[in-house]
């Protein structure tokens, strides 16, 4: 139940949310709507206070050319709007969870959240 409370749309998101909770990392929201360049986008995990986004990329979902292109536009618009964006794959989350959480902590520290 706890793994589903933030309404993850993929197994990778569910695992990432669990990693954040287990690591004691707080102040994040899942599946957040942002407006960039007049377009609406949902971000997988957001730390709004410091403008940090974590995007979880599944190979199957992101293999289509339209999704691939949209992700690049969104990434560029986020960066131009002052966001720091971390991207993680399912394999990274499964195989190197400690390093993934270390990157999140490092980004939060860099952005002044910790």
PDB file of N, CA and C in Angstrom:
ATOM      1  N   UNK A   1       0.820  -1.186   0.000  1.00  0.00           N
ATOM      2  CA  UNK A   1       0.000   0.000   0.000  1.00  0.00           C
ATOM      3  C   UNK A   1       0.865   1.253   0.000  1.00  0.00           C
ATOM      4  N   UNK A   2       1.883   1.260   0.876  1.00  0.00           N
ATOM      5  CA  UNK A   2       2.744   2.432   0.983  1.00  0.00           C
ATOM      6  C   UNK A   2       3.441   2.713  -0.352  1.00  0.00           C
ATOM      7  N   UNK A   3       3.826   1.655  -1.071  1.00  0.00           N
ATOM      8  CA  UNK A   3       4.503   1.847  -2.349  1.00  0.00           C
ATOM      9  C   UNK A   3       3.603   2.493  -3.389  1.00  0.00           C
ATOM     10  N   UNK A   4       2.300   2.444  -3.196  1.00  0.00           N
ATOM     11  CA  UNK A   4       1.367   3.002  -4.173  1.00  0.00           C
ATOM     12  C   UNK A   4       0.769   4.345  -3.752  1.00  0.00           C
ATOM     13  N   UNK A   5       1.086   4.823  -2.566  1.00  0.00           N
ATOM     14  CA  UNK A   5       0.419   6.024  -2.062  1.00  0.00           C
ATOM     15  C   UNK A   5       0.729   7.270  -2.875  1.00  0.00           C
ATOM     16  N   UNK A   6       1.863   7.319  -3.552  1.00  0.00           N
ATOM     17  CA  UNK A   6       2.216   8.485  -4.369  1.00  0.00           C
ATOM     18  C   UNK A   6       1.827   8.300  -5.831  1.00  0.00           C
ATOM     19  N   UNK A   7       0.995   7.310  -6.082  1.00  0.00           N
ATOM     20  CA  UNK A   7       0.441   7.032  -7.406  1.00  0.00           C
ATOM     21  C   UNK A   7       1.508   6.904  -8.488  1.00  0.00           C
ATOM     22  N   UNK A   8       2.460   6.003  -8.289  1.00  0.00           N
ATOM     23  CA  UNK A   8       3.476   5.791  -9.320  1.00  0.00           C
ATOM     24  C   UNK A   8       2.846   5.174 -10.567  1.00  0.00           C
ATOM     25  N   UNK A   9       3.379   5.541 -11.713  1.00  0.00           N
ATOM     26  CA  UNK A   9       2.823   4.987 -12.951  1.00  0.00           C
ATOM     27  C   UNK A   9       3.673   3.858 -13.499  1.00  0.00           C
ATOM     28  N   UNK A  10       4.747   3.483 -12.782  1.00  0.00           N
ATOM     29  CA  UNK A  10       5.582   2.374 -13.242  1.00  0.00           C
ATOM     30  C   UNK A  10       6.235   1.697 -12.043  1.00  0.00           C
ATOM     31  N   UNK A  11       6.745   0.504 -12.287  1.00  0.00           N
ATOM     32  CA  UNK A  11       7.460  -0.219 -11.231  1.00  0.00           C
ATOM     33  C   UNK A  11       8.713   0.549 -10.820  1.00  0.00           C
ATOM     34  N   UNK A  12       9.383   1.174 -11.770  1.00  0.00           N
ATOM     35  CA  UNK A  12      10.586   1.953 -11.457  1.00  0.00           C
ATOM     36  C   UNK A  12      10.242   3.114 -10.527  1.00  0.00           C
ATOM     37  N   UNK A  13       9.134   3.771 -10.778  1.00  0.00           N
ATOM     38  CA  UNK A  13       8.717   4.876  -9.907  1.00  0.00           C
ATOM     39  C   UNK A  13       8.413   4.361  -8.506  1.00  0.00           C
ATOM     40  N   UNK A  14       7.735   3.218  -8.422  1.00  0.00           N
ATOM     41  CA  UNK A  14       7.415   2.627  -7.127  1.00  0.00           C
ATOM     42  C   UNK A  14       8.709   2.341  -6.347  1.00  0.00           C
ATOM     43  N   UNK A  15       9.692   1.751  -7.016  1.00  0.00           N
ATOM     44  CA  UNK A  15      10.971   1.442  -6.370  1.00  0.00           C
ATOM     45  C   UNK A  15      11.707   2.719  -5.969  1.00  0.00           C
ATOM     46  N   UNK A  16      11.670   3.727  -6.825  1.00  0.00           N
ATOM     47  CA  UNK A  16      12.352   4.982  -6.532  1.00  0.00           C
ATOM     48  C   UNK A  16      11.728   5.663  -5.316  1.00  0.00           C
ATOM     49  N   UNK A  17      10.408   5.679  -5.256  1.00  0.00           N
ATOM     50  CA  UNK A  17       9.710   6.260  -4.104  1.00  0.00           C
ATOM     51  C   UNK A  17      10.107   5.526  -2.819  1.00  0.00           C
ATOM     52  N   UNK A  18      10.176   4.189  -2.895  1.00  0.00           N
ATOM     53  CA  UNK A  18      10.570   3.396  -1.726  1.00  0.00           C
ATOM     54  C   UNK A  18      11.996   3.735  -1.309  1.00  0.00           C
ATOM     55  N   UNK A  19      12.894   3.872  -2.290  1.00  0.00           N
ATOM     56  CA  UNK A  19      14.274   4.249  -1.975  1.00  0.00           C
ATOM     57  C   UNK A  19      14.336   5.604  -1.280  1.00  0.00           C
ATOM     58  N   UNK A  20      13.584   6.572  -1.779  1.00  0.00           N
ATOM     59  CA  UNK A  20      13.566   7.893  -1.147  1.00  0.00           C
ATOM     60  C   UNK A  20      13.089   7.801   0.291  1.00  0.00           C
ATOM     61  N   UNK A  21      11.988   7.080   0.513  1.00  0.00           N
ATOM     62  CA  UNK A  21      11.455   6.941   1.867  1.00  0.00           C
ATOM     63  C   UNK A  21      12.452   6.219   2.771  1.00  0.00           C
ATOM     64  N   UNK A  22      13.034   5.124   2.286  1.00  0.00           N
ATOM     65  CA  UNK A  22      13.992   4.361   3.089  1.00  0.00           C
ATOM     66  C   UNK A  22      15.234   5.186   3.413  1.00  0.00           C
ATOM     67  N   UNK A  23      15.617   6.087   2.516  1.00  0.00           N
ATOM     68  CA  UNK A  23      16.794   6.937   2.727  1.00  0.00           C
ATOM     69  C   UNK A  23      16.474   8.147   3.597  1.00  0.00           C
ATOM     70  N   UNK A  24      15.201   8.321   3.950  1.00  0.00           N
ATOM     71  CA  UNK A  24      14.810   9.462   4.774  1.00  0.00           C
ATOM     72  C   UNK A  24      14.816  10.777   4.013  1.00  0.00           C
ATOM     73  N   UNK A  25      14.744  10.698   2.702  1.00  0.00           N
ATOM     74  CA  UNK A  25      14.715  11.906   1.875  1.00  0.00           C
ATOM     75  C   UNK A  25      13.261  12.351   1.756  1.00  0.00           C
ATOM     76  N   UNK A  26      13.010  13.601   2.133  1.00  0.00           N
ATOM     77  CA  UNK A  26      11.642  14.105   2.190  1.00  0.00           C
ATOM     78  C   UNK A  26      11.483  15.325   1.286  1.00  0.00           C
ATOM     79  N   UNK A  27      10.342  15.944   1.383  1.00  0.00           N
ATOM     80  CA  UNK A  27       9.999  17.181   0.650  1.00  0.00           C
ATOM     81  C   UNK A  27       9.899  16.960  -0.851  1.00  0.00           C
ATOM     82  N   UNK A  28       9.554  15.756  -1.270  1.00  0.00           N
ATOM     83  CA  UNK A  28       9.357  15.479  -2.680  1.00  0.00           C
ATOM     84  C   UNK A  28       7.893  15.136  -2.935  1.00  0.00           C
ATOM     85  N   UNK A  29       7.508  15.365  -4.172  1.00  0.00           N
ATOM     86  CA  UNK A  29       6.167  15.018  -4.635  1.00  0.00           C
ATOM     87  C   UNK A  29       6.303  14.246  -5.932  1.00  0.00           C
ATOM     88  N   UNK A  30       5.390  13.328  -6.134  1.00  0.00           N
ATOM     89  CA  UNK A  30       5.408  12.506  -7.344  1.00  0.00           C
ATOM     90  C   UNK A  30       4.415  13.032  -8.371  1.00  0.00           C
ATOM     91  N   UNK A  31       4.734  12.789  -9.628  1.00  0.00           N
ATOM     92  CA  UNK A  31       3.839  13.091 -10.740  1.00  0.00           C
ATOM     93  C   UNK A  31       3.285  14.509 -10.668  1.00  0.00           C
ATOM     94  N   UNK A  32       4.186  15.462 -10.665  1.00  0.00           N
ATOM     95  CA  UNK A  32       3.813  16.868 -10.520  1.00  0.00           C
ATOM     96  C   UNK A  32       3.696  17.571 -11.867  1.00  0.00           C
ATOM     97  N   UNK A  33       2.669  18.353 -11.987  1.00  0.00           N
ATOM     98  CA  UNK A  33       2.413  19.129 -13.201  1.00  0.00           C
ATOM     99  C   UNK A  33       3.229  20.421 -13.161  1.00  0.00           C
ATOM    100  N   UNK A  34       3.931  20.710 -14.244  1.00  0.00           N
ATOM    101  CA  UNK A  34       4.630  21.989 -14.398  1.00  0.00           C
ATOM    102  C   UNK A  34       4.284  22.557 -15.772  1.00  0.00           C
ATOM    103  N   UNK A  35       4.308  23.863 -15.857  1.00  0.00           N
ATOM    104  CA  UNK A  35       4.052  24.547 -17.118  1.00  0.00           C
ATOM    105  C   UNK A  35       5.379  25.122 -17.585  1.00  0.00           C
ATOM    106  N   UNK A  36       5.787  24.736 -18.777  1.00  0.00           N
ATOM    107  CA  UNK A  36       7.055  25.184 -19.347  1.00  0.00           C
ATOM    108  C   UNK A  36       6.844  25.586 -20.793  1.00  0.00           C
ATOM    109  N   UNK A  37       7.226  26.794 -21.129  1.00  0.00           N
ATOM    110  CA  UNK A  37       7.100  27.236 -22.512  1.00  0.00           C
ATOM    111  C   UNK A  37       5.689  27.117 -23.048  1.00  0.00           C
ATOM    112  N   UNK A  38       4.695  27.319 -22.182  1.00  0.00           N
ATOM    113  CA  UNK A  38       3.303  27.228 -22.603  1.00  0.00           C
ATOM    114  C   UNK A  38       2.771  25.813 -22.718  1.00  0.00           C
ATOM    115  N   UNK A  39       3.575  24.814 -22.357  1.00  0.00           N
ATOM    116  CA  UNK A  39       3.137  23.415 -22.413  1.00  0.00           C
ATOM    117  C   UNK A  39       3.060  22.843 -21.009  1.00  0.00           C
ATOM    118  N   UNK A  40       2.168  21.879 -20.826  1.00  0.00           N
ATOM    119  CA  UNK A  40       2.016  21.191 -19.550  1.00  0.00           C
ATOM    120  C   UNK A  40       2.799  19.891 -19.577  1.00  0.00           C
ATOM    121  N   UNK A  41       3.556  19.642 -18.513  1.00  0.00           N
ATOM    122  CA  UNK A  41       4.331  18.410 -18.405  1.00  0.00           C
ATOM    123  C   UNK A  41       4.160  17.836 -17.011  1.00  0.00           C
ATOM    124  N   UNK A  42       4.169  16.515 -16.911  1.00  0.00           N
ATOM    125  CA  UNK A  42       4.207  15.843 -15.622  1.00  0.00           C
ATOM    126  C   UNK A  42       5.628  15.366 -15.386  1.00  0.00           C
ATOM    127  N   UNK A  43       6.162  15.684 -14.207  1.00  0.00           N
ATOM    128  CA  UNK A  43       7.490  15.238 -13.820  1.00  0.00           C
ATOM    129  C   UNK A  43       7.352  14.097 -12.820  1.00  0.00           C
ATOM    130  N   UNK A  44       8.226  13.107 -12.919  1.00  0.00           N
ATOM    131  CA  UNK A  44       8.105  11.912 -12.091  1.00  0.00           C
ATOM    132  C   UNK A  44       8.250  12.216 -10.602  1.00  0.00           C
ATOM    133  N   UNK A  45       9.323  12.909 -10.222  1.00  0.00           N
ATOM    134  CA  UNK A  45       9.549  13.288  -8.828  1.00  0.00           C
ATOM    135  C   UNK A  45      10.101  14.711  -8.812  1.00  0.00           C
ATOM    136  N   UNK A  46       9.534  15.534  -7.934  1.00  0.00           N
ATOM    137  CA  UNK A  46       9.912  16.949  -7.886  1.00  0.00           C
ATOM    138  C   UNK A  46      10.210  17.357  -6.446  1.00  0.00           C
ATOM    139  N   UNK A  47      11.288  18.112  -6.301  1.00  0.00           N
ATOM    140  CA  UNK A  47      11.600  18.819  -5.073  1.00  0.00           C
ATOM    141  C   UNK A  47      11.431  20.293  -5.440  1.00  0.00           C
ATOM    142  N   UNK A  48      10.207  20.800  -5.310  1.00  0.00           N
ATOM    143  CA  UNK A  48       9.882  22.147  -5.805  1.00  0.00           C
ATOM    144  C   UNK A  48      10.706  23.249  -5.163  1.00  0.00           C
ATOM    145  N   UNK A  49      10.964  23.141  -3.874  1.00  0.00           N
ATOM    146  CA  UNK A  49      11.669  24.198  -3.161  1.00  0.00           C
ATOM    147  C   UNK A  49      13.038  24.514  -3.731  1.00  0.00           C
ATOM    148  N   UNK A  50      13.670  23.516  -4.358  1.00  0.00           N
ATOM    149  CA  UNK A  50      15.011  23.728  -4.921  1.00  0.00           C
ATOM    150  C   UNK A  50      15.054  23.492  -6.428  1.00  0.00           C
ATOM    151  N   UNK A  51      13.886  23.268  -7.017  1.00  0.00           N
ATOM    152  CA  UNK A  51      13.783  23.056  -8.464  1.00  0.00           C
ATOM    153  C   UNK A  51      14.635  21.878  -8.942  1.00  0.00           C
ATOM    154  N   UNK A  52      14.479  20.762  -8.239  1.00  0.00           N
ATOM    155  CA  UNK A  52      15.136  19.511  -8.615  1.00  0.00           C
ATOM    156  C   UNK A  52      14.073  18.540  -9.099  1.00  0.00           C
ATOM    157  N   UNK A  53      14.309  17.954 -10.255  1.00  0.00           N
ATOM    158  CA  UNK A  53      13.404  16.945 -10.798  1.00  0.00           C
ATOM    159  C   UNK A  53      14.180  15.656 -11.018  1.00  0.00           C
ATOM    160  N   UNK A  54      13.548  14.538 -10.706  1.00  0.00           N
ATOM    161  CA  UNK A  54      14.104  13.222 -11.016  1.00  0.00           C
ATOM    162  C   UNK A  54      13.164  12.570 -12.020  1.00  0.00           C
ATOM    163  N   UNK A  55      13.707  12.211 -13.152  1.00  0.00           N
ATOM    164  CA  UNK A  55      12.929  11.559 -14.198  1.00  0.00           C
ATOM    165  C   UNK A  55      13.379  10.111 -14.308  1.00  0.00           C
ATOM    166  N   UNK A  56      12.410   9.202 -14.345  1.00  0.00           N
ATOM    167  CA  UNK A  56      12.682   7.775 -14.373  1.00  0.00           C
ATOM    168  C   UNK A  56      12.318   7.251 -15.749  1.00  0.00           C
ATOM    169  N   UNK A  57      13.331   6.813 -16.459  1.00  0.00           N
ATOM    170  CA  UNK A  57      13.164   6.443 -17.857  1.00  0.00           C
ATOM    171  C   UNK A  57      13.150   4.931 -18.047  1.00  0.00           C
ATOM    172  N   UNK A  58      11.984   4.419 -18.428  1.00  0.00           N
ATOM    173  CA  UNK A  58      11.878   3.007 -18.776  1.00  0.00           C
ATOM    174  C   UNK A  58      12.187   2.818 -20.253  1.00  0.00           C
ATOM    175  N   UNK A  59      12.921   1.789 -20.567  1.00  0.00           N
ATOM    176  CA  UNK A  59      13.349   1.554 -21.949  1.00  0.00           C
ATOM    177  C   UNK A  59      12.155   1.368 -22.891  1.00  0.00           C
ATOM    178  N   UNK A  60      11.150   0.643 -22.453  1.00  0.00           N
ATOM    179  CA  UNK A  60      10.000   0.379 -23.317  1.00  0.00           C
ATOM    180  C   UNK A  60       9.214   1.654 -23.604  1.00  0.00           C
ATOM    181  N   UNK A  61       8.862   2.391 -22.550  1.00  0.00           N
ATOM    182  CA  UNK A  61       8.041   3.599 -22.725  1.00  0.00           C
ATOM    183  C   UNK A  61       8.774   4.669 -23.512  1.00  0.00           C
ATOM    184  N   UNK A  62      10.063   4.818 -23.282  1.00  0.00           N
ATOM    185  CA  UNK A  62      10.832   5.901 -23.896  1.00  0.00           C
ATOM    186  C   UNK A  62      11.475   5.504 -25.225  1.00  0.00           C
ATOM    187  N   UNK A  63      11.099   4.345 -25.768  1.00  0.00           N
ATOM    188  CA  UNK A  63      11.708   3.903 -27.020  1.00  0.00           C
ATOM    189  C   UNK A  63      11.031   4.499 -28.250  1.00  0.00           C
ATOM    190  N   UNK A  64       9.810   4.957 -28.118  1.00  0.00           N
ATOM    191  CA  UNK A  64       9.115   5.543 -29.256  1.00  0.00           C
ATOM    192  C   UNK A  64       9.690   6.905 -29.608  1.00  0.00           C
ATOM    193  N   UNK A  65       9.717   7.223 -30.895  1.00  0.00           N
ATOM    194  CA  UNK A  65      10.355   8.470 -31.322  1.00  0.00           C
ATOM    195  C   UNK A  65       9.627   9.706 -30.788  1.00  0.00           C
ATOM    196  N   UNK A  66       8.310   9.670 -30.684  1.00  0.00           N
ATOM    197  CA  UNK A  66       7.574  10.836 -30.195  1.00  0.00           C
ATOM    198  C   UNK A  66       7.900  11.105 -28.723  1.00  0.00           C
ATOM    199  N   UNK A  67       7.891  10.057 -27.894  1.00  0.00           N
ATOM    200  CA  UNK A  67       8.208  10.218 -26.473  1.00  0.00           C
ATOM    201  C   UNK A  67       9.661  10.657 -26.313  1.00  0.00           C
ATOM    202  N   UNK A  68      10.557  10.075 -27.096  1.00  0.00           N
ATOM    203  CA  UNK A  68      11.975  10.442 -27.041  1.00  0.00           C
ATOM    204  C   UNK A  68      12.141  11.933 -27.334  1.00  0.00           C
ATOM    205  N   UNK A  69      11.476  12.428 -28.369  1.00  0.00           N
ATOM    206  CA  UNK A  69      11.569  13.845 -28.738  1.00  0.00           C
ATOM    207  C   UNK A  69      10.959  14.743 -27.659  1.00  0.00           C
ATOM    208  N   UNK A  70       9.797  14.364 -27.158  1.00  0.00           N
ATOM    209  CA  UNK A  70       9.131  15.156 -26.117  1.00  0.00           C
ATOM    210  C   UNK A  70       9.997  15.254 -24.870  1.00  0.00           C
ATOM    211  N   UNK A  71      10.645  14.146 -24.497  1.00  0.00           N
ATOM    212  CA  UNK A  71      11.525  14.157 -23.331  1.00  0.00           C
ATOM    213  C   UNK A  71      12.669  15.151 -23.500  1.00  0.00           C
ATOM    214  N   UNK A  72      13.208  15.245 -24.704  1.00  0.00           N
ATOM    215  CA  UNK A  72      14.320  16.178 -24.945  1.00  0.00           C
ATOM    216  C   UNK A  72      13.849  17.630 -24.874  1.00  0.00           C
ATOM    217  N   UNK A  73      12.679  17.921 -25.435  1.00  0.00           N
ATOM    218  CA  UNK A  73      12.121  19.270 -25.334  1.00  0.00           C
ATOM    219  C   UNK A  73      11.889  19.631 -23.876  1.00  0.00           C
ATOM    220  N   UNK A  74      11.262  18.706 -23.151  1.00  0.00           N
ATOM    221  CA  UNK A  74      10.970  18.953 -21.737  1.00  0.00           C
ATOM    222  C   UNK A  74      12.263  19.174 -20.950  1.00  0.00           C
ATOM    223  N   UNK A  75      13.252  18.334 -21.169  1.00  0.00           N
ATOM    224  CA  UNK A  75      14.540  18.476 -20.474  1.00  0.00           C
ATOM    225  C   UNK A  75      15.137  19.861 -20.726  1.00  0.00           C
ATOM    226  N   UNK A  76      15.159  20.280 -21.978  1.00  0.00           N
ATOM    227  CA  UNK A  76      15.733  21.590 -22.311  1.00  0.00           C
ATOM    228  C   UNK A  76      14.939  22.729 -21.690  1.00  0.00           C
ATOM    229  N   UNK A  77      13.621  22.654 -21.729  1.00  0.00           N
ATOM    230  CA  UNK A  77      12.790  23.695 -21.127  1.00  0.00           C
ATOM    231  C   UNK A  77      12.987  23.762 -19.612  1.00  0.00           C
ATOM    232  N   UNK A  78      13.130  22.611 -18.973  1.00  0.00           N
ATOM    233  CA  UNK A  78      13.390  22.587 -17.536  1.00  0.00           C
ATOM    234  C   UNK A  78      14.710  23.279 -17.206  1.00  0.00           C
ATOM    235  N   UNK A  79      15.751  22.928 -17.935  1.00  0.00           N
ATOM    236  CA  UNK A  79      17.069  23.517 -17.683  1.00  0.00           C
ATOM    237  C   UNK A  79      17.031  25.020 -17.920  1.00  0.00           C
ATOM    238  N   UNK A  80      16.400  25.446 -18.991  1.00  0.00           N
ATOM    239  CA  UNK A  80      16.308  26.880 -19.274  1.00  0.00           C
ATOM    240  C   UNK A  80      15.486  27.622 -18.224  1.00  0.00           C
ATOM    241  N   UNK A  81      14.585  26.896 -17.545  1.00  0.00           N
ATOM    242  CA  UNK A  81      13.765  27.497 -16.493  1.00  0.00           C
ATOM    243  C   UNK A  81      14.441  27.397 -15.118  1.00  0.00           C
ATOM    244  N   UNK A  82      15.687  26.921 -15.090  1.00  0.00           N
ATOM    245  CA  UNK A  82      16.442  26.885 -13.843  1.00  0.00           C
ATOM    246  C   UNK A  82      16.343  25.608 -13.031  1.00  0.00           C
ATOM    247  N   UNK A  83      15.824  24.543 -13.625  1.00  0.00           N
ATOM    248  CA  UNK A  83      15.713  23.270 -12.936  1.00  0.00           C
ATOM    249  C   UNK A  83      16.991  22.455 -13.086  1.00  0.00           C
ATOM    250  N   UNK A  84      17.290  21.668 -12.063  1.00  0.00           N
ATOM    251  CA  UNK A  84      18.316  20.624 -12.131  1.00  0.00           C
ATOM    252  C   UNK A  84      17.547  19.324 -12.360  1.00  0.00           C
ATOM    253  N   UNK A  85      17.961  18.557 -13.357  1.00  0.00           N
ATOM    254  CA  UNK A  85      17.232  17.335 -13.704  1.00  0.00           C
ATOM    255  C   UNK A  85      18.175  16.138 -13.610  1.00  0.00           C
ATOM    256  N   UNK A  86      17.766  15.158 -12.818  1.00  0.00           N
ATOM    257  CA  UNK A  86      18.484  13.887 -12.745  1.00  0.00           C
ATOM    258  C   UNK A  86      17.642  12.857 -13.482  1.00  0.00           C
ATOM    259  N   UNK A  87      18.289  12.014 -14.265  1.00  0.00           N
ATOM    260  CA  UNK A  87      17.584  10.971 -15.011  1.00  0.00           C
ATOM    261  C   UNK A  87      18.131   9.623 -14.582  1.00  0.00           C
ATOM    262  N   UNK A  88      17.217   8.720 -14.273  1.00  0.00           N
ATOM    263  CA  UNK A  88      17.598   7.382 -13.843  1.00  0.00           C
ATOM    264  C   UNK A  88      16.826   6.345 -14.643  1.00  0.00           C
ATOM    265  N   UNK A  89      17.474   5.232 -14.919  1.00  0.00           N
ATOM    266  CA  UNK A  89      16.822   4.114 -15.603  1.00  0.00           C
ATOM    267  C   UNK A  89      16.405   3.070 -14.564  1.00  0.00           C
ATOM    268  N   UNK A  90      15.576   2.153 -14.989  1.00  0.00           N
ATOM    269  CA  UNK A  90      15.175   1.050 -14.117  1.00  0.00           C
ATOM    270  C   UNK A  90      16.394   0.260 -13.666  1.00  0.00           C
ATOM    271  N   UNK A  91      17.335   0.036 -14.580  1.00  0.00           N
ATOM    272  CA  UNK A  91      18.543  -0.722 -14.234  1.00  0.00           C
ATOM    273  C   UNK A  91      19.355   0.002 -13.165  1.00  0.00           C
ATOM    274  N   UNK A  92      19.465   1.306 -13.263  1.00  0.00           N
ATOM    275  CA  UNK A  92      20.205   2.074 -12.254  1.00  0.00           C
ATOM    276  C   UNK A  92      19.542   1.920 -10.889  1.00  0.00           C
ATOM    277  N   UNK A  93      18.229   2.012 -10.856  1.00  0.00           N
ATOM    278  CA  UNK A  93      17.481   1.915  -9.607  1.00  0.00           C
ATOM    279  C   UNK A  93      17.611   0.514  -9.016  1.00  0.00           C
ATOM    280  N   UNK A  94      17.543  -0.508  -9.860  1.00  0.00           N
ATOM    281  CA  UNK A  94      17.623  -1.896  -9.397  1.00  0.00           C
ATOM    282  C   UNK A  94      19.038  -2.295  -8.995  1.00  0.00           C
ATOM    283  N   UNK A  95      20.009  -1.916  -9.810  1.00  0.00           N
ATOM    284  CA  UNK A  95      21.368  -2.431  -9.644  1.00  0.00           C
ATOM    285  C   UNK A  95      22.291  -1.535  -8.816  1.00  0.00           C
ATOM    286  N   UNK A  96      21.979  -0.238  -8.726  1.00  0.00           N
ATOM    287  CA  UNK A  96      22.868   0.681  -8.016  1.00  0.00           C
ATOM    288  C   UNK A  96      22.082   1.677  -7.161  1.00  0.00           C
ATOM    289  N   UNK A  97      21.188   1.176  -6.332  1.00  0.00           N
ATOM    290  CA  UNK A  97      20.316   2.069  -5.564  1.00  0.00           C
ATOM    291  C   UNK A  97      21.073   3.005  -4.619  1.00  0.00           C
ATOM    292  N   UNK A  98      22.154   2.539  -4.034  1.00  0.00           N
ATOM    293  CA  UNK A  98      22.915   3.384  -3.107  1.00  0.00           C
ATOM    294  C   UNK A  98      23.492   4.585  -3.857  1.00  0.00           C
ATOM    295  N   UNK A  99      24.015   4.342  -5.049  1.00  0.00           N
ATOM    296  CA  UNK A  99      24.578   5.432  -5.837  1.00  0.00           C
ATOM    297  C   UNK A  99      23.496   6.387  -6.330  1.00  0.00           C
ATOM    298  N   UNK A 100      22.339   5.857  -6.665  1.00  0.00           N
ATOM    299  CA  UNK A 100      21.219   6.700  -7.100  1.00  0.00           C
ATOM    300  C   UNK A 100      20.819   7.654  -5.966  1.00  0.00           C
ATOM    301  N   UNK A 101      20.668   7.119  -4.761  1.00  0.00           N
ATOM    302  CA  UNK A 101      20.290   7.969  -3.627  1.00  0.00           C
ATOM    303  C   UNK A 101      21.414   8.953  -3.286  1.00  0.00           C
ATOM    304  N   UNK A 102      22.665   8.540  -3.460  1.00  0.00           N
ATOM    305  CA  UNK A 102      23.785   9.457  -3.217  1.00  0.00           C
ATOM    306  C   UNK A 102      23.731  10.627  -4.198  1.00  0.00           C
ATOM    307  N   UNK A 103      23.358  10.358  -5.442  1.00  0.00           N
ATOM    308  CA  UNK A 103      23.228  11.438  -6.429  1.00  0.00           C
ATOM    309  C   UNK A 103      22.102  12.396  -6.057  1.00  0.00           C
ATOM    310  N   UNK A 104      21.002  11.862  -5.598  1.00  0.00           N
ATOM    311  CA  UNK A 104      19.891  12.713  -5.181  1.00  0.00           C
ATOM    312  C   UNK A 104      20.334  13.588  -4.009  1.00  0.00           C
ATOM    313  N   UNK A 105      20.978  12.983  -3.016  1.00  0.00           N
ATOM    314  CA  UNK A 105      21.473  13.758  -1.863  1.00  0.00           C
ATOM    315  C   UNK A 105      22.464  14.833  -2.303  1.00  0.00           C
ATOM    316  N   UNK A 106      23.369  14.479  -3.208  1.00  0.00           N
ATOM    317  CA  UNK A 106      24.361  15.435  -3.681  1.00  0.00           C
ATOM    318  C   UNK A 106      23.698  16.616  -4.391  1.00  0.00           C
ATOM    319  N   UNK A 107      22.705  16.314  -5.221  1.00  0.00           N
ATOM    320  CA  UNK A 107      21.987  17.396  -5.922  1.00  0.00           C
ATOM    321  C   UNK A 107      21.255  18.275  -4.915  1.00  0.00           C
ATOM    322  N   UNK A 108      20.615  17.674  -3.914  1.00  0.00           N
ATOM    323  CA  UNK A 108      19.921  18.466  -2.899  1.00  0.00           C
ATOM    324  C   UNK A 108      20.892  19.360  -2.134  1.00  0.00           C
ATOM    325  N   UNK A 109      22.055  18.815  -1.801  1.00  0.00           N
ATOM    326  CA  UNK A 109      23.076  19.626  -1.110  1.00  0.00           C
ATOM    327  C   UNK A 109      23.566  20.754  -2.003  1.00  0.00           C
ATOM    328  N   UNK A 110      23.834  20.434  -3.262  1.00  0.00           N
ATOM    329  CA  UNK A 110      24.308  21.427  -4.211  1.00  0.00           C
ATOM    330  C   UNK A 110      23.302  22.574  -4.360  1.00  0.00           C
ATOM    331  N   UNK A 111      22.026  22.229  -4.296  1.00  0.00           N
ATOM    332  CA  UNK A 111      20.974  23.221  -4.467  1.00  0.00           C
ATOM    333  C   UNK A 111      20.564  23.884  -3.149  1.00  0.00           C
ATOM    334  N   UNK A 112      21.227  23.511  -2.072  1.00  0.00           N
ATOM    335  CA  UNK A 112      20.996  24.170  -0.792  1.00  0.00           C
ATOM    336  C   UNK A 112      19.851  23.620   0.031  1.00  0.00           C
ATOM    337  N   UNK A 113      19.413  22.403  -0.266  1.00  0.00           N
ATOM    338  CA  UNK A 113      18.276  21.836   0.462  1.00  0.00           C
ATOM    339  C   UNK A 113      18.707  21.058   1.700  1.00  0.00           C
ATOM    340  N   UNK A 114      19.958  20.691   1.772  1.00  0.00           N
ATOM    341  CA  UNK A 114      20.386  19.861   2.914  1.00  0.00           C
ATOM    342  C   UNK A 114      21.441  20.545   3.739  1.00  0.00           C
TER     343      UNK A 114
END
